N, C-alpha and C. Protein backbone atom coordinates (compact mmCIF):
# COMPACT_ATOMS: atom_id res chain seq x y z
N UNK A 1 11.68 25.28 -16.99
CA UNK A 1 12.89 25.83 -16.41
C UNK A 1 14.05 24.90 -16.72
N UNK A 2 15.10 25.42 -17.27
CA UNK A 2 16.29 24.64 -17.58
C UNK A 2 17.28 24.77 -16.44
N UNK A 3 18.01 23.70 -16.18
CA UNK A 3 19.01 23.75 -15.14
C UNK A 3 19.70 22.41 -15.01
N UNK A 4 20.69 22.36 -14.16
CA UNK A 4 21.39 21.11 -13.90
C UNK A 4 20.87 20.56 -12.58
N UNK A 5 20.45 19.32 -12.63
CA UNK A 5 19.89 18.70 -11.44
C UNK A 5 20.75 17.52 -11.02
N UNK A 6 20.90 17.35 -9.73
CA UNK A 6 21.60 16.19 -9.18
C UNK A 6 20.56 15.19 -8.72
N UNK A 7 20.04 14.41 -9.66
CA UNK A 7 18.97 13.46 -9.38
C UNK A 7 19.56 12.23 -8.66
N UNK A 8 18.92 11.84 -7.58
CA UNK A 8 19.29 10.64 -6.85
C UNK A 8 18.10 9.69 -6.89
N UNK A 9 18.39 8.41 -7.09
CA UNK A 9 17.35 7.38 -7.05
C UNK A 9 17.78 6.31 -6.07
N UNK A 10 16.91 6.00 -5.13
CA UNK A 10 17.18 4.96 -4.13
C UNK A 10 16.01 3.99 -4.10
N UNK A 11 16.31 2.74 -3.75
CA UNK A 11 15.25 1.74 -3.70
C UNK A 11 15.48 0.79 -2.54
N UNK A 12 14.38 0.37 -1.94
CA UNK A 12 14.43 -0.55 -0.81
C UNK A 12 13.16 -1.39 -0.83
N UNK A 13 13.27 -2.65 -0.46
CA UNK A 13 12.10 -3.52 -0.36
C UNK A 13 11.77 -3.75 1.11
N UNK A 14 10.52 -3.51 1.46
CA UNK A 14 10.01 -3.81 2.79
C UNK A 14 9.27 -5.14 2.73
N UNK A 15 9.48 -5.99 3.71
CA UNK A 15 8.78 -7.28 3.79
C UNK A 15 7.90 -7.28 5.02
N UNK A 16 6.69 -7.80 4.84
CA UNK A 16 5.71 -7.84 5.92
C UNK A 16 5.12 -9.24 6.03
N UNK A 17 4.83 -9.66 7.25
CA UNK A 17 4.00 -10.84 7.49
C UNK A 17 2.66 -10.29 7.94
N UNK A 18 1.68 -10.39 7.06
CA UNK A 18 0.39 -9.78 7.34
C UNK A 18 -0.47 -10.65 8.24
N UNK A 19 -1.48 -10.03 8.79
CA UNK A 19 -2.52 -10.76 9.50
C UNK A 19 -3.71 -10.80 8.57
N UNK A 20 -4.54 -11.77 8.73
CA UNK A 20 -5.68 -11.98 7.85
C UNK A 20 -6.55 -10.73 7.74
N UNK A 21 -6.89 -10.37 6.48
CA UNK A 21 -7.84 -9.28 6.19
C UNK A 21 -7.67 -8.09 7.12
N UNK A 22 -6.51 -7.51 7.03
CA UNK A 22 -6.23 -6.38 7.91
C UNK A 22 -5.39 -5.36 7.17
N UNK A 23 -5.53 -4.11 7.56
CA UNK A 23 -4.71 -3.04 7.03
C UNK A 23 -3.54 -2.82 7.99
N UNK A 24 -2.32 -2.91 7.46
CA UNK A 24 -1.11 -2.73 8.26
C UNK A 24 -0.49 -1.39 7.92
N UNK A 25 -0.44 -0.46 8.87
CA UNK A 25 0.14 0.85 8.59
C UNK A 25 1.67 0.78 8.60
N UNK A 26 2.28 1.38 7.59
CA UNK A 26 3.74 1.42 7.54
C UNK A 26 4.25 2.82 7.15
N UNK A 27 3.51 3.83 7.54
CA UNK A 27 3.88 5.22 7.28
C UNK A 27 5.26 5.54 7.87
N UNK A 28 5.48 5.11 9.07
CA UNK A 28 6.74 5.41 9.78
C UNK A 28 7.95 4.89 9.01
N UNK A 29 7.85 3.65 8.51
CA UNK A 29 8.97 3.05 7.78
C UNK A 29 9.27 3.84 6.50
N UNK A 30 8.21 4.27 5.81
CA UNK A 30 8.40 5.06 4.58
C UNK A 30 9.03 6.41 4.92
N UNK A 31 8.49 7.09 5.92
CA UNK A 31 9.01 8.41 6.29
C UNK A 31 10.48 8.32 6.74
N UNK A 32 10.85 7.25 7.42
CA UNK A 32 12.24 7.08 7.86
C UNK A 32 13.16 6.89 6.66
N UNK A 33 12.73 6.09 5.68
CA UNK A 33 13.54 5.87 4.48
C UNK A 33 13.74 7.17 3.72
N UNK A 34 12.67 7.94 3.59
CA UNK A 34 12.76 9.22 2.88
C UNK A 34 13.67 10.19 3.66
N UNK A 35 13.50 10.28 4.96
CA UNK A 35 14.32 11.19 5.76
C UNK A 35 15.81 10.82 5.68
N UNK A 36 16.11 9.54 5.74
CA UNK A 36 17.50 9.06 5.69
C UNK A 36 18.12 9.20 4.30
N UNK A 37 17.30 9.38 3.28
CA UNK A 37 17.79 9.44 1.91
C UNK A 37 18.56 10.71 1.58
N UNK A 38 18.25 11.78 2.29
CA UNK A 38 18.86 13.07 1.98
C UNK A 38 18.18 13.77 0.82
N UNK A 39 17.14 13.18 0.26
CA UNK A 39 16.42 13.80 -0.85
C UNK A 39 15.48 14.85 -0.26
N UNK A 40 15.66 16.10 -0.68
CA UNK A 40 14.85 17.19 -0.15
C UNK A 40 13.55 17.37 -0.88
N UNK A 41 13.59 17.18 -2.20
CA UNK A 41 12.39 17.34 -3.02
C UNK A 41 12.38 16.24 -4.08
N UNK A 42 11.22 15.60 -4.25
CA UNK A 42 11.14 14.51 -5.22
C UNK A 42 9.84 13.74 -5.07
N UNK A 43 9.94 12.45 -5.39
CA UNK A 43 8.77 11.57 -5.34
C UNK A 43 9.13 10.26 -4.64
N UNK A 44 8.17 9.75 -3.89
CA UNK A 44 8.29 8.42 -3.29
C UNK A 44 7.24 7.53 -3.95
N UNK A 45 7.70 6.46 -4.58
CA UNK A 45 6.79 5.54 -5.25
C UNK A 45 6.81 4.22 -4.50
N UNK A 46 5.63 3.69 -4.21
CA UNK A 46 5.48 2.41 -3.52
C UNK A 46 4.75 1.44 -4.44
N UNK A 47 5.22 0.20 -4.50
CA UNK A 47 4.61 -0.82 -5.36
C UNK A 47 4.58 -2.14 -4.61
N UNK A 48 3.41 -2.76 -4.53
CA UNK A 48 3.27 -4.06 -3.88
C UNK A 48 3.34 -5.16 -4.94
N UNK A 49 4.11 -6.19 -4.66
CA UNK A 49 4.38 -7.26 -5.63
C UNK A 49 3.40 -8.43 -5.50
N UNK A 50 2.15 -8.14 -5.36
CA UNK A 50 1.18 -9.22 -5.13
C UNK A 50 -0.15 -8.91 -5.81
N UNK A 51 -0.94 -9.95 -6.05
CA UNK A 51 -2.23 -9.79 -6.73
C UNK A 51 -3.42 -9.99 -5.79
N UNK A 52 -3.15 -10.14 -4.49
CA UNK A 52 -4.25 -10.30 -3.55
C UNK A 52 -4.04 -9.46 -2.29
N UNK A 53 -3.31 -8.37 -2.45
CA UNK A 53 -3.13 -7.36 -1.40
C UNK A 53 -2.91 -6.03 -2.12
N UNK A 54 -3.16 -4.93 -1.43
CA UNK A 54 -3.03 -3.64 -2.09
C UNK A 54 -2.45 -2.60 -1.13
N UNK A 55 -2.27 -1.40 -1.67
CA UNK A 55 -1.78 -0.27 -0.89
C UNK A 55 -2.87 0.78 -0.83
N UNK A 56 -2.89 1.53 0.24
CA UNK A 56 -3.88 2.61 0.31
C UNK A 56 -3.37 3.74 1.20
N UNK A 57 -3.81 4.95 0.85
CA UNK A 57 -3.70 6.10 1.73
C UNK A 57 -5.05 6.19 2.42
N UNK A 58 -5.05 6.14 3.72
CA UNK A 58 -6.31 6.07 4.44
C UNK A 58 -6.21 6.89 5.72
N UNK A 59 -7.36 7.24 6.25
CA UNK A 59 -7.38 7.93 7.54
C UNK A 59 -6.67 7.07 8.57
N UNK A 60 -5.79 7.71 9.36
CA UNK A 60 -5.04 6.96 10.36
C UNK A 60 -5.46 7.30 11.79
N UNK A 61 -6.52 8.06 11.95
CA UNK A 61 -6.95 8.46 13.30
C UNK A 61 -8.02 7.52 13.86
N UNK A 62 -9.01 7.19 13.07
CA UNK A 62 -10.13 6.38 13.55
C UNK A 62 -10.11 5.01 12.88
N UNK A 63 -9.83 3.94 13.62
CA UNK A 63 -9.78 2.60 13.03
C UNK A 63 -11.12 2.12 12.47
N UNK A 64 -12.22 2.78 12.86
CA UNK A 64 -13.52 2.41 12.31
C UNK A 64 -13.57 2.60 10.79
N UNK A 65 -12.77 3.53 10.26
CA UNK A 65 -12.73 3.74 8.81
C UNK A 65 -12.29 2.45 8.12
N UNK A 66 -11.24 1.83 8.63
CA UNK A 66 -10.73 0.60 8.01
C UNK A 66 -11.70 -0.56 8.20
N UNK A 67 -12.40 -0.59 9.32
CA UNK A 67 -13.44 -1.61 9.54
C UNK A 67 -14.55 -1.43 8.51
N UNK A 68 -14.98 -0.19 8.30
CA UNK A 68 -16.03 0.09 7.32
C UNK A 68 -15.59 -0.25 5.90
N UNK A 69 -14.32 0.01 5.57
CA UNK A 69 -13.81 -0.36 4.24
C UNK A 69 -13.87 -1.87 4.04
N UNK A 70 -13.51 -2.62 5.06
CA UNK A 70 -13.58 -4.07 4.97
C UNK A 70 -15.02 -4.54 4.81
N UNK A 71 -15.94 -3.94 5.55
CA UNK A 71 -17.37 -4.28 5.42
C UNK A 71 -17.85 -4.00 4.01
N UNK A 72 -17.46 -2.86 3.45
CA UNK A 72 -17.83 -2.52 2.08
C UNK A 72 -17.28 -3.56 1.10
N UNK A 73 -16.01 -3.92 1.26
CA UNK A 73 -15.40 -4.89 0.34
C UNK A 73 -16.09 -6.25 0.42
N UNK A 74 -16.55 -6.62 1.59
CA UNK A 74 -17.29 -7.89 1.73
C UNK A 74 -18.57 -7.85 0.90
N UNK A 75 -19.18 -6.69 0.79
CA UNK A 75 -20.41 -6.60 0.00
C UNK A 75 -20.12 -6.60 -1.50
N UNK A 76 -18.95 -6.09 -1.90
CA UNK A 76 -18.58 -6.03 -3.31
C UNK A 76 -18.04 -7.35 -3.82
N UNK A 77 -17.19 -7.99 -3.01
CA UNK A 77 -16.54 -9.25 -3.42
C UNK A 77 -16.58 -10.24 -2.26
N UNK A 78 -17.75 -10.85 -2.04
CA UNK A 78 -17.89 -11.76 -0.90
C UNK A 78 -17.17 -13.10 -1.13
N UNK A 79 -16.59 -13.62 -0.09
CA UNK A 79 -15.96 -14.94 -0.16
C UNK A 79 -16.98 -16.01 -0.49
N UNK A 80 -16.56 -16.98 -1.29
CA UNK A 80 -17.41 -18.14 -1.59
C UNK A 80 -18.56 -17.89 -2.52
N UNK A 81 -18.62 -16.72 -3.15
CA UNK A 81 -19.72 -16.45 -4.07
C UNK A 81 -19.67 -17.46 -5.22
N UNK A 82 -20.79 -18.11 -5.52
CA UNK A 82 -20.80 -19.14 -6.57
C UNK A 82 -20.51 -18.62 -7.98
N UNK A 83 -20.52 -17.29 -8.18
CA UNK A 83 -20.19 -16.77 -9.51
C UNK A 83 -18.70 -16.91 -9.82
N UNK A 84 -17.86 -17.16 -8.81
CA UNK A 84 -16.41 -17.27 -9.02
C UNK A 84 -16.02 -18.72 -9.23
N UNK A 85 -15.28 -18.98 -10.31
CA UNK A 85 -14.78 -20.33 -10.55
C UNK A 85 -13.32 -20.47 -10.11
N UNK A 86 -12.59 -19.36 -9.94
CA UNK A 86 -11.19 -19.41 -9.51
C UNK A 86 -11.15 -19.51 -7.99
N UNK A 87 -11.00 -20.73 -7.49
CA UNK A 87 -10.96 -20.98 -6.05
C UNK A 87 -9.75 -21.85 -5.70
N UNK A 88 -8.68 -21.76 -6.48
CA UNK A 88 -7.50 -22.61 -6.30
C UNK A 88 -6.98 -22.59 -4.87
N UNK A 89 -6.96 -21.41 -4.26
CA UNK A 89 -6.43 -21.29 -2.90
C UNK A 89 -7.53 -21.08 -1.86
N UNK A 90 -8.76 -21.36 -2.22
CA UNK A 90 -9.85 -21.24 -1.27
C UNK A 90 -10.91 -20.25 -1.71
N UNK A 91 -11.98 -20.14 -0.92
CA UNK A 91 -13.12 -19.29 -1.29
C UNK A 91 -12.82 -17.79 -1.29
N UNK A 92 -11.69 -17.39 -0.69
CA UNK A 92 -11.32 -15.96 -0.68
C UNK A 92 -10.36 -15.61 -1.82
N UNK A 93 -10.01 -16.58 -2.66
CA UNK A 93 -8.99 -16.37 -3.70
C UNK A 93 -9.41 -15.32 -4.73
N UNK A 94 -10.50 -15.56 -5.42
CA UNK A 94 -10.95 -14.60 -6.45
C UNK A 94 -11.41 -13.28 -5.84
N UNK A 95 -12.14 -13.28 -4.71
CA UNK A 95 -12.49 -12.00 -4.10
C UNK A 95 -11.26 -11.15 -3.77
N UNK A 96 -10.18 -11.78 -3.34
CA UNK A 96 -8.95 -11.03 -3.04
C UNK A 96 -8.38 -10.39 -4.30
N UNK A 97 -8.43 -11.10 -5.42
CA UNK A 97 -7.95 -10.53 -6.68
C UNK A 97 -8.82 -9.34 -7.12
N UNK A 98 -10.11 -9.48 -6.96
CA UNK A 98 -11.02 -8.38 -7.32
C UNK A 98 -10.75 -7.16 -6.44
N UNK A 99 -10.58 -7.37 -5.14
CA UNK A 99 -10.30 -6.27 -4.23
C UNK A 99 -9.03 -5.52 -4.65
N UNK A 100 -8.02 -6.28 -5.07
CA UNK A 100 -6.77 -5.66 -5.51
C UNK A 100 -6.97 -4.85 -6.78
N UNK A 101 -7.77 -5.37 -7.71
CA UNK A 101 -8.01 -4.66 -8.96
C UNK A 101 -8.74 -3.34 -8.77
N UNK A 102 -9.62 -3.26 -7.76
CA UNK A 102 -10.39 -2.04 -7.57
C UNK A 102 -9.76 -1.09 -6.54
N UNK A 103 -8.61 -1.49 -6.00
CA UNK A 103 -7.88 -0.60 -5.09
C UNK A 103 -6.57 -0.22 -5.78
N UNK A 104 -5.47 -0.10 -5.05
CA UNK A 104 -4.20 0.34 -5.63
C UNK A 104 -3.08 -0.65 -5.36
N UNK A 105 -2.26 -0.90 -6.38
CA UNK A 105 -1.04 -1.68 -6.17
C UNK A 105 0.17 -0.76 -6.11
N UNK A 106 -0.03 0.53 -6.38
CA UNK A 106 1.07 1.49 -6.26
C UNK A 106 0.55 2.84 -5.79
N UNK A 107 1.43 3.58 -5.15
CA UNK A 107 1.14 4.94 -4.68
C UNK A 107 2.34 5.81 -4.99
N UNK A 108 2.11 7.06 -5.34
CA UNK A 108 3.19 8.03 -5.53
C UNK A 108 2.88 9.24 -4.66
N UNK A 109 3.87 9.60 -3.83
CA UNK A 109 3.68 10.66 -2.85
C UNK A 109 4.79 11.69 -3.03
N UNK A 110 4.46 12.98 -3.08
CA UNK A 110 5.50 13.99 -3.21
C UNK A 110 6.35 14.10 -1.94
N UNK A 111 7.63 14.42 -2.16
CA UNK A 111 8.58 14.64 -1.07
C UNK A 111 8.96 16.12 -1.05
N UNK A 112 8.87 16.73 0.13
CA UNK A 112 9.36 18.09 0.35
C UNK A 112 10.07 18.10 1.69
N UNK A 113 11.23 18.74 1.74
CA UNK A 113 12.01 18.81 2.99
C UNK A 113 12.26 17.43 3.58
N UNK A 114 12.57 16.47 2.71
CA UNK A 114 12.90 15.09 3.11
C UNK A 114 11.77 14.40 3.88
N UNK A 115 10.51 14.72 3.53
CA UNK A 115 9.35 14.07 4.14
C UNK A 115 8.27 13.87 3.09
N UNK A 116 7.59 12.75 3.16
CA UNK A 116 6.41 12.55 2.31
C UNK A 116 5.36 13.56 2.75
N UNK A 117 4.76 14.22 1.79
CA UNK A 117 3.79 15.27 2.08
C UNK A 117 2.39 14.69 2.22
N UNK A 118 2.18 14.00 3.31
CA UNK A 118 0.87 13.40 3.60
C UNK A 118 -0.01 14.43 4.30
N UNK A 119 -1.32 14.27 4.09
CA UNK A 119 -2.27 15.11 4.80
C UNK A 119 -2.29 14.76 6.27
N UNK A 120 -2.91 15.61 7.05
CA UNK A 120 -2.94 15.46 8.51
C UNK A 120 -3.39 14.07 8.96
N UNK A 121 -4.41 13.53 8.33
CA UNK A 121 -4.97 12.26 8.77
C UNK A 121 -4.64 11.10 7.84
N UNK A 122 -3.68 11.27 6.93
CA UNK A 122 -3.35 10.20 6.00
C UNK A 122 -2.25 9.29 6.54
N UNK A 123 -2.48 8.00 6.37
CA UNK A 123 -1.47 7.01 6.68
C UNK A 123 -1.31 6.09 5.48
N UNK A 124 -0.14 5.46 5.38
CA UNK A 124 0.15 4.53 4.29
C UNK A 124 -0.06 3.11 4.83
N UNK A 125 -0.88 2.34 4.10
CA UNK A 125 -1.25 1.00 4.56
C UNK A 125 -1.04 -0.06 3.50
N UNK A 126 -0.64 -1.23 3.93
CA UNK A 126 -0.72 -2.45 3.14
C UNK A 126 -2.03 -3.11 3.56
N UNK A 127 -2.90 -3.37 2.60
CA UNK A 127 -4.21 -3.95 2.89
C UNK A 127 -4.23 -5.40 2.43
N UNK A 128 -4.19 -6.31 3.37
CA UNK A 128 -4.25 -7.75 3.07
C UNK A 128 -5.69 -8.12 2.74
N UNK A 129 -5.88 -8.76 1.57
CA UNK A 129 -7.22 -9.15 1.15
C UNK A 129 -7.52 -10.62 1.32
N UNK A 130 -6.53 -11.39 1.74
CA UNK A 130 -6.75 -12.82 1.95
C UNK A 130 -7.19 -13.08 3.39
N UNK A 131 -7.89 -14.19 3.58
CA UNK A 131 -8.40 -14.54 4.91
C UNK A 131 -7.32 -15.10 5.82
N UNK A 132 -6.16 -15.47 5.25
CA UNK A 132 -5.05 -15.99 6.04
C UNK A 132 -3.86 -15.04 5.94
N UNK A 133 -2.92 -15.19 6.84
CA UNK A 133 -1.70 -14.38 6.83
C UNK A 133 -0.84 -14.74 5.63
N UNK A 134 -0.09 -13.75 5.14
CA UNK A 134 0.82 -13.97 4.01
C UNK A 134 2.08 -13.12 4.17
N UNK A 135 3.13 -13.49 3.46
CA UNK A 135 4.33 -12.66 3.36
C UNK A 135 4.15 -11.75 2.17
N UNK A 136 4.38 -10.45 2.36
CA UNK A 136 4.18 -9.46 1.31
C UNK A 136 5.41 -8.56 1.20
N UNK A 137 5.70 -8.14 -0.03
CA UNK A 137 6.81 -7.23 -0.30
C UNK A 137 6.30 -5.94 -0.95
N UNK A 138 6.83 -4.84 -0.47
CA UNK A 138 6.54 -3.52 -1.03
C UNK A 138 7.88 -2.89 -1.42
N UNK A 139 8.00 -2.52 -2.70
CA UNK A 139 9.20 -1.85 -3.18
C UNK A 139 9.00 -0.35 -3.05
N UNK A 140 9.92 0.31 -2.34
CA UNK A 140 9.91 1.77 -2.22
C UNK A 140 11.01 2.31 -3.13
N UNK A 141 10.65 3.22 -4.00
CA UNK A 141 11.63 3.90 -4.86
C UNK A 141 11.45 5.39 -4.64
N UNK A 142 12.53 6.06 -4.30
CA UNK A 142 12.45 7.51 -4.16
C UNK A 142 13.46 8.12 -5.13
N UNK A 143 13.03 9.23 -5.72
CA UNK A 143 13.94 9.97 -6.61
C UNK A 143 13.72 11.45 -6.40
N UNK A 144 14.80 12.17 -6.58
CA UNK A 144 14.73 13.61 -6.42
C UNK A 144 16.12 14.16 -6.17
N UNK A 145 16.13 15.32 -5.57
CA UNK A 145 17.44 15.94 -5.26
C UNK A 145 17.41 16.57 -3.87
């Protein structure tokens, strides 16, 4: 379909102080940014600027889901495993990098009627993979009309 579009692009960085090995929900902050943008239809892209934390769309009703995900990750990339030689920042250093590689550092969500079109039970989370708290940045970019 050909036509003239009034494309708008907006960007904002969210900063978080995480708690150790925890998923921090920030759906509300994203939805507020999208609603305030005036963009009715488009895309919301999220990107985390770190190699030991990730982003996820996850069930937001039952916290046991996030507990089970952490239990699973411990079995896949356990702290202090002797197969890892990269331990510059401690025994959780390389496992945190592995967790990030097998999860997501970016998410793209459709926007309709100035809202991210999430499913009923979906929430947007920053997943800290390190055993200690860290400062994390997530860049939100929305574009559309």
